[in-house]
Amino acid sequence: MIELGKRQVLTIVKRVEFGVYLADGKGTDSSEEKVLLPGKEVPDSAQIGDELDVFIYRDSKDRMIATTRQTSLTVGHTALLKVKEVGKIGAFLAWELEKDLLLPFKEQTAPVKEQEECLVALYVDKSGRLCTTMKVYHYLETDSPYKKDDMVQGIVYEISKRFGVFVAVDDRYSGLIPAKEPAESVKVGERVQARVAGVLEDGKLTLSLREKAHIQVGKDAERILEMLDQAGGRLSLHDKTDPELIKEKTGMSKNEFKRAIGNLYRQRLIIIEPDGIQRVHEKSGK
């Protein structure tokens, strides 16, 4: 069976003036499905009965055709492709073949622009044509080599208020920054560096943009000191402040904020007051 969008090893069963026809068998059955490999791609030494490794796609006239060229995408897999143009039905992505790939608007997890790169998966649509989608969750691999606390890089491909930020680690492995993690500034298409917070039983990675707690406390404390300096030495935030307000002002959870100000208090860098925190200055003692 000749499969659209996949690489296959097919047999040369017939030679014509404009190329050779390939089949999945020996070509002895006249009803057997065949596909053309254009003459410019036929090896000089090719003979009837030879096997060739080819990719199957549709040409500009929507005819199924074979190519010996390597492509960055095959059906069921992902790749990073550049947006060539945006049309009325979606975006068109450039790749190694002449006919651009369609990325329909309904398959976009965020609007794309010309010359931008986006992570997509290749599939065959209901019309039997090759198409792409940014909804790559089910196409990503779950057998990554990473373990807890490893640092990884990936591209954000979808954001869900319910679940969090979906990341394709190394553009191929399934990762998620849970919704409870602070990641408000992250956007689809952005590359992020994250820490592996855990590896689920099915191999999917749970990610965090924050470092391990004992490291992060120091960074959070530095952030609070910066905010104090910018605010003239005092902030109206304390351990009884509403968690949502703390997150809005600092980007930290309430527990992270409390750990950070506790760290600063122990170092005698701040005074914790009933309605805020005050920077301690060495010269004045307060």
Protein backbone atom coordinates (compact mmCIF):
# COMPACT_ATOMS: atom_id res chain seq x y z
CA MET A 1 0.00 0.00 0.00
CA ILE A 2 1.35 3.40 -0.97
CA GLU A 3 0.94 5.82 1.96
CA LEU A 4 0.73 9.58 1.57
CA GLY A 5 3.10 11.64 3.69
CA LYS A 6 5.43 8.79 4.57
CA ARG A 7 8.79 7.47 3.43
CA GLN A 8 8.57 4.05 1.82
CA VAL A 9 10.76 1.61 -0.03
CA LEU A 10 9.02 0.99 -3.37
CA THR A 11 9.95 -1.05 -6.43
CA ILE A 12 10.46 0.28 -9.96
CA VAL A 13 7.86 -1.54 -12.06
CA LYS A 14 7.68 0.53 -15.25
CA ARG A 15 9.85 3.02 -17.12
CA VAL A 16 8.29 5.86 -19.16
CA GLU A 17 9.67 8.87 -20.99
CA PHE A 18 9.03 11.21 -18.05
CA GLY A 19 10.20 8.95 -15.21
CA VAL A 20 9.46 5.61 -13.60
CA TYR A 21 6.44 4.14 -11.87
CA LEU A 22 6.86 2.63 -8.43
CA ALA A 23 4.72 0.04 -6.66
CA ASP A 24 4.64 -1.67 -3.28
CA GLY A 25 5.00 -5.05 -4.95
CA LYS A 26 6.59 -6.43 -8.13
CA GLY A 27 4.08 -4.77 -10.43
CA THR A 28 2.79 -8.02 -11.93
CA ASP A 29 -0.79 -7.14 -11.03
CA SER A 30 -2.17 -4.56 -13.49
CA SER A 31 -4.54 -3.22 -10.82
CA GLU A 32 -1.72 -2.61 -8.36
CA GLU A 33 -1.41 1.00 -7.14
CA LYS A 34 1.49 2.85 -8.71
CA VAL A 35 3.08 6.27 -8.22
CA LEU A 36 5.31 8.33 -10.51
CA LEU A 37 8.88 9.27 -9.66
CA PRO A 38 9.79 12.12 -12.10
CA GLY A 39 12.71 11.55 -14.43
CA LYS A 40 14.92 14.22 -12.84
CA GLU A 41 14.93 12.20 -9.60
CA VAL A 42 15.52 8.75 -11.09
CA PRO A 43 19.09 7.50 -10.46
CA ASP A 44 21.04 7.01 -13.70
CA SER A 45 21.69 3.35 -12.93
CA ALA A 46 18.08 2.53 -11.96
CA GLN A 47 16.57 -0.62 -13.47
CA ILE A 48 13.18 -2.35 -13.40
CA GLY A 49 12.97 -4.27 -10.11
CA ASP A 50 15.22 -1.90 -8.18
CA GLU A 51 14.01 -0.61 -4.84
CA LEU A 52 14.05 3.11 -3.99
CA ASP A 53 13.49 4.96 -0.72
CA VAL A 54 10.98 7.74 -1.49
CA PHE A 55 8.57 10.19 0.14
CA ILE A 56 4.96 10.34 -1.13
CA TYR A 57 3.15 13.68 -1.50
CA ARG A 58 0.74 15.52 -3.82
CA ASP A 59 1.98 17.91 -6.51
CA SER A 60 0.48 21.28 -7.53
CA LYS A 61 -2.16 19.41 -9.59
CA ASP A 62 -3.09 17.30 -6.57
CA ARG A 63 -1.61 14.13 -8.08
CA MET A 64 0.15 11.65 -5.82
CA ILE A 65 3.85 11.65 -6.64
CA ALA A 66 7.14 10.32 -5.25
CA THR A 67 10.40 12.08 -4.45
CA THR A 68 13.81 10.86 -3.35
CA ARG A 69 14.42 14.16 -1.52
CA GLN A 70 14.56 14.16 2.26
CA THR A 71 11.84 16.13 4.06
CA SER A 72 11.84 17.56 7.57
CA LEU A 73 8.35 16.15 8.18
CA THR A 74 6.54 12.86 7.74
CA VAL A 75 2.98 12.04 8.84
CA GLY A 76 2.72 11.70 12.61
CA HIS A 77 5.90 13.61 13.38
CA THR A 78 6.81 17.20 14.29
CA ALA A 79 9.19 19.83 12.92
CA LEU A 80 9.85 23.55 13.14
CA LEU A 81 8.80 25.25 9.88
CA LYS A 82 8.82 28.88 8.70
CA VAL A 83 5.62 30.72 7.76
CA LYS A 84 5.89 31.74 4.11
CA GLU A 85 2.62 33.65 3.91
CA VAL A 86 -0.78 33.99 5.58
CA GLY A 87 -3.82 33.57 3.32
CA LYS A 88 -7.60 33.46 3.59
CA ILE A 89 -7.82 29.88 4.88
CA GLY A 90 -4.66 29.75 6.96
CA ALA A 91 -0.90 30.03 6.80
CA PHE A 92 1.38 28.37 4.27
CA LEU A 93 4.61 26.84 5.54
CA ALA A 94 7.78 26.40 3.52
CA TRP A 95 9.61 23.08 3.46
CA GLU A 96 11.83 21.07 1.13
CA LEU A 97 9.19 20.51 -1.59
CA GLU A 98 7.73 22.99 -4.08
CA LYS A 99 4.15 22.82 -2.78
CA ASP A 100 3.86 24.64 0.54
CA LEU A 101 2.07 23.05 3.48
CA LEU A 102 -1.21 24.49 4.75
CA LEU A 103 -1.66 25.35 8.42
CA PRO A 104 -5.43 26.05 8.71
CA PHE A 105 -6.58 28.75 11.10
CA LYS A 106 -8.50 26.12 13.10
CA GLU A 107 -5.26 24.20 13.66
CA GLN A 108 -3.38 27.22 15.06
CA THR A 109 -3.00 27.50 18.84
CA ALA A 110 -2.07 31.18 18.39
CA PRO A 111 -2.01 33.47 15.32
CA VAL A 112 1.17 33.17 13.24
CA LYS A 113 2.94 35.78 11.13
CA GLU A 114 5.09 35.65 8.00
CA GLN A 115 8.72 34.62 8.59
CA GLU A 116 7.91 33.27 12.05
CA GLU A 117 8.78 29.68 12.88
CA CYS A 118 6.19 27.38 14.43
CA LEU A 119 6.22 23.79 15.62
CA VAL A 120 3.77 21.65 13.66
CA ALA A 121 2.84 18.03 13.05
CA LEU A 122 1.97 16.59 9.64
CA TYR A 123 -1.31 14.75 9.03
CA VAL A 124 -3.63 13.77 6.17
CA ASP A 125 -6.88 15.76 6.21
CA LYS A 126 -10.38 14.55 5.31
CA SER A 127 -9.78 15.48 1.66
CA GLY A 128 -6.71 13.23 1.50
CA ARG A 129 -4.23 16.10 1.43
CA LEU A 130 -1.18 16.77 3.55
CA CYS A 131 -1.85 19.36 6.21
CA THR A 132 -0.22 20.67 9.40
CA THR A 133 -1.37 21.44 12.93
CA MET A 134 0.09 23.32 15.89
CA LYS A 135 -1.92 21.02 18.19
CA VAL A 136 0.99 18.63 18.54
CA TYR A 137 0.25 17.14 21.99
CA HIS A 138 -0.61 13.67 20.65
CA TYR A 139 2.36 13.65 18.26
CA LEU A 140 5.11 14.27 20.82
CA GLU A 141 7.36 11.52 22.15
CA THR A 142 7.37 10.40 25.77
CA ASP A 143 10.68 8.53 25.95
CA SER A 144 12.97 11.47 26.68
CA PRO A 145 16.38 10.85 28.29
CA TYR A 146 15.73 13.47 30.99
CA LYS A 147 15.31 12.96 34.72
CA LYS A 148 14.21 15.08 37.68
CA ASP A 149 16.13 18.38 38.10
CA ASP A 150 17.68 18.25 34.62
CA MET A 151 17.62 21.58 32.81
CA VAL A 152 15.94 21.43 29.38
CA GLN A 153 14.94 23.74 26.54
CA GLY A 154 11.81 23.67 24.45
CA ILE A 155 9.22 25.63 22.52
CA VAL A 156 5.81 26.64 23.87
CA TYR A 157 3.14 25.31 21.48
CA GLU A 158 -0.10 25.80 23.42
CA ILE A 159 -1.36 27.54 26.57
CA SER A 160 -4.37 26.35 28.59
CA LYS A 161 -5.85 28.21 31.57
CA ARG A 162 -6.92 24.84 32.98
CA PHE A 163 -3.78 22.78 32.48
CA GLY A 164 -0.91 25.23 32.01
CA VAL A 165 1.79 25.82 29.41
CA PHE A 166 2.50 22.99 26.98
CA VAL A 167 6.14 22.73 25.94
CA ALA A 168 7.79 20.54 23.31
CA VAL A 169 11.17 19.79 24.88
CA ASP A 170 13.87 19.64 22.18
CA ASP A 171 10.91 20.16 19.79
CA ARG A 172 9.94 16.51 20.24
CA TYR A 173 9.25 15.45 23.86
CA SER A 174 6.02 16.10 25.77
CA GLY A 175 6.32 18.60 28.64
CA LEU A 176 3.94 20.72 30.73
CA ILE A 177 4.40 23.69 33.06
CA PRO A 178 1.36 23.20 35.35
CA ALA A 179 -1.14 26.04 35.72
CA LYS A 180 -0.12 26.54 39.37
CA GLU A 181 3.39 27.53 38.24
CA PRO A 182 4.01 31.24 37.56
CA ALA A 183 4.38 31.56 33.77
CA GLU A 184 2.11 34.47 32.84
CA SER A 185 4.60 36.17 30.52
CA VAL A 186 5.22 33.09 28.36
CA LYS A 187 3.76 33.08 24.83
CA VAL A 188 3.14 30.45 22.14
CA GLY A 189 6.21 30.15 19.92
CA GLU A 190 8.58 31.29 22.67
CA ARG A 191 11.62 29.21 23.57
CA VAL A 192 12.01 28.57 27.28
CA GLN A 193 14.54 27.00 29.58
CA ALA A 194 13.01 24.95 32.36
CA ARG A 195 13.82 22.47 35.10
CA VAL A 196 12.35 18.97 35.04
CA ALA A 197 10.23 18.96 38.20
CA GLY A 198 9.16 15.35 37.64
CA VAL A 199 8.76 12.53 35.14
CA LEU A 200 5.28 10.98 35.03
CA GLU A 201 4.68 7.24 34.70
CA ASP A 202 3.80 7.65 31.03
CA GLY A 203 7.09 9.48 30.38
CA LYS A 204 5.67 13.00 30.05
CA LEU A 205 7.73 15.71 31.72
CA THR A 206 6.45 18.10 34.38
CA LEU A 207 8.41 21.34 34.07
CA SER A 208 9.11 24.42 36.17
CA LEU A 209 10.55 27.77 35.14
CA ARG A 210 11.84 28.10 38.68
CA GLU A 211 14.98 26.53 40.05
CA LYS A 212 15.16 24.23 43.08
CA ALA A 213 13.71 25.82 46.23
CA HIS A 214 16.97 26.53 48.07
CA ILE A 215 18.36 28.27 44.97
CA GLN A 216 15.15 30.07 44.14
CA VAL A 217 14.75 31.55 47.63
CA GLY A 218 17.91 33.53 47.01
CA LYS A 219 16.65 34.83 43.67
CA ASP A 220 13.24 35.66 45.12
CA ALA A 221 14.93 37.52 47.95
CA GLU A 222 17.01 39.51 45.47
CA ARG A 223 13.85 40.38 43.57
CA ILE A 224 12.17 41.68 46.73
CA LEU A 225 15.23 43.80 47.59
CA GLU A 226 15.11 45.30 44.08
CA MET A 227 11.41 46.08 44.51
CA LEU A 228 12.10 47.68 47.90
CA ASP A 229 14.83 49.89 46.44
CA GLN A 230 12.57 50.92 43.56
CA ALA A 231 9.73 51.72 46.00
CA GLY A 232 11.86 53.88 48.31
CA GLY A 233 12.55 51.18 50.89
CA ARG A 234 9.07 50.00 51.80
CA LEU A 235 6.42 47.66 50.36
CA SER A 236 2.84 47.25 51.54
CA LEU A 237 3.12 43.46 51.23
CA HIS A 238 3.37 41.07 54.16
CA ASP A 239 2.59 37.48 55.15
CA LYS A 240 -1.15 38.26 55.51
CA THR A 241 -1.48 39.87 52.07
CA ASP A 242 -3.91 38.20 49.66
CA PRO A 243 -2.08 35.51 47.59
CA GLU A 244 -3.42 36.88 44.30
CA LEU A 245 -2.06 40.35 45.06
CA ILE A 246 1.34 38.90 45.97
CA LYS A 247 1.44 36.96 42.71
CA GLU A 248 0.37 40.03 40.72
CA LYS A 249 3.02 42.27 42.29
CA THR A 250 5.95 39.85 42.58
CA GLY A 251 5.25 36.87 40.31
CA MET A 252 5.66 34.58 43.33
CA SER A 253 3.26 32.32 45.16
CA LYS A 254 2.45 33.31 48.74
CA ASN A 255 4.65 30.49 50.11
CA GLU A 256 7.57 31.58 47.93
CA PHE A 257 7.11 35.18 49.08
CA LYS A 258 7.01 34.17 52.75
CA ARG A 259 10.17 32.05 52.37
CA ALA A 260 11.95 34.94 50.68
CA ILE A 261 11.05 37.59 53.26
CA GLY A 262 11.89 35.10 56.03
CA ASN A 263 15.31 34.69 54.45
CA LEU A 264 15.78 38.48 54.27
CA TYR A 265 14.58 38.90 57.87
CA ARG A 266 17.09 36.32 59.14
CA GLN A 267 19.84 38.21 57.33
CA ARG A 268 18.60 41.42 59.02
CA LEU A 269 18.02 43.05 55.64
CA ILE A 270 14.34 43.85 56.28
CA ILE A 271 11.95 44.55 59.12
CA ILE A 272 8.58 42.80 58.93
CA GLU A 273 5.84 45.20 60.06
CA PRO A 274 2.10 44.50 60.55
CA ASP A 275 1.24 46.18 57.25
CA GLY A 276 4.37 45.76 55.15
CA ILE A 277 8.11 45.21 54.99
CA GLN A 278 10.84 47.82 55.45
CA ARG A 279 14.35 47.78 54.01
CA VAL A 280 17.15 47.97 56.61
CA HIS A 281 19.95 50.36 55.65
CA GLU A 282 23.35 49.84 57.18
CA LYS A 283 24.18 53.52 57.81
CA SER A 284 20.99 54.44 59.63
CA GLY A 285 20.39 51.02 61.18
CA LYS A 286 16.90 51.11 59.75
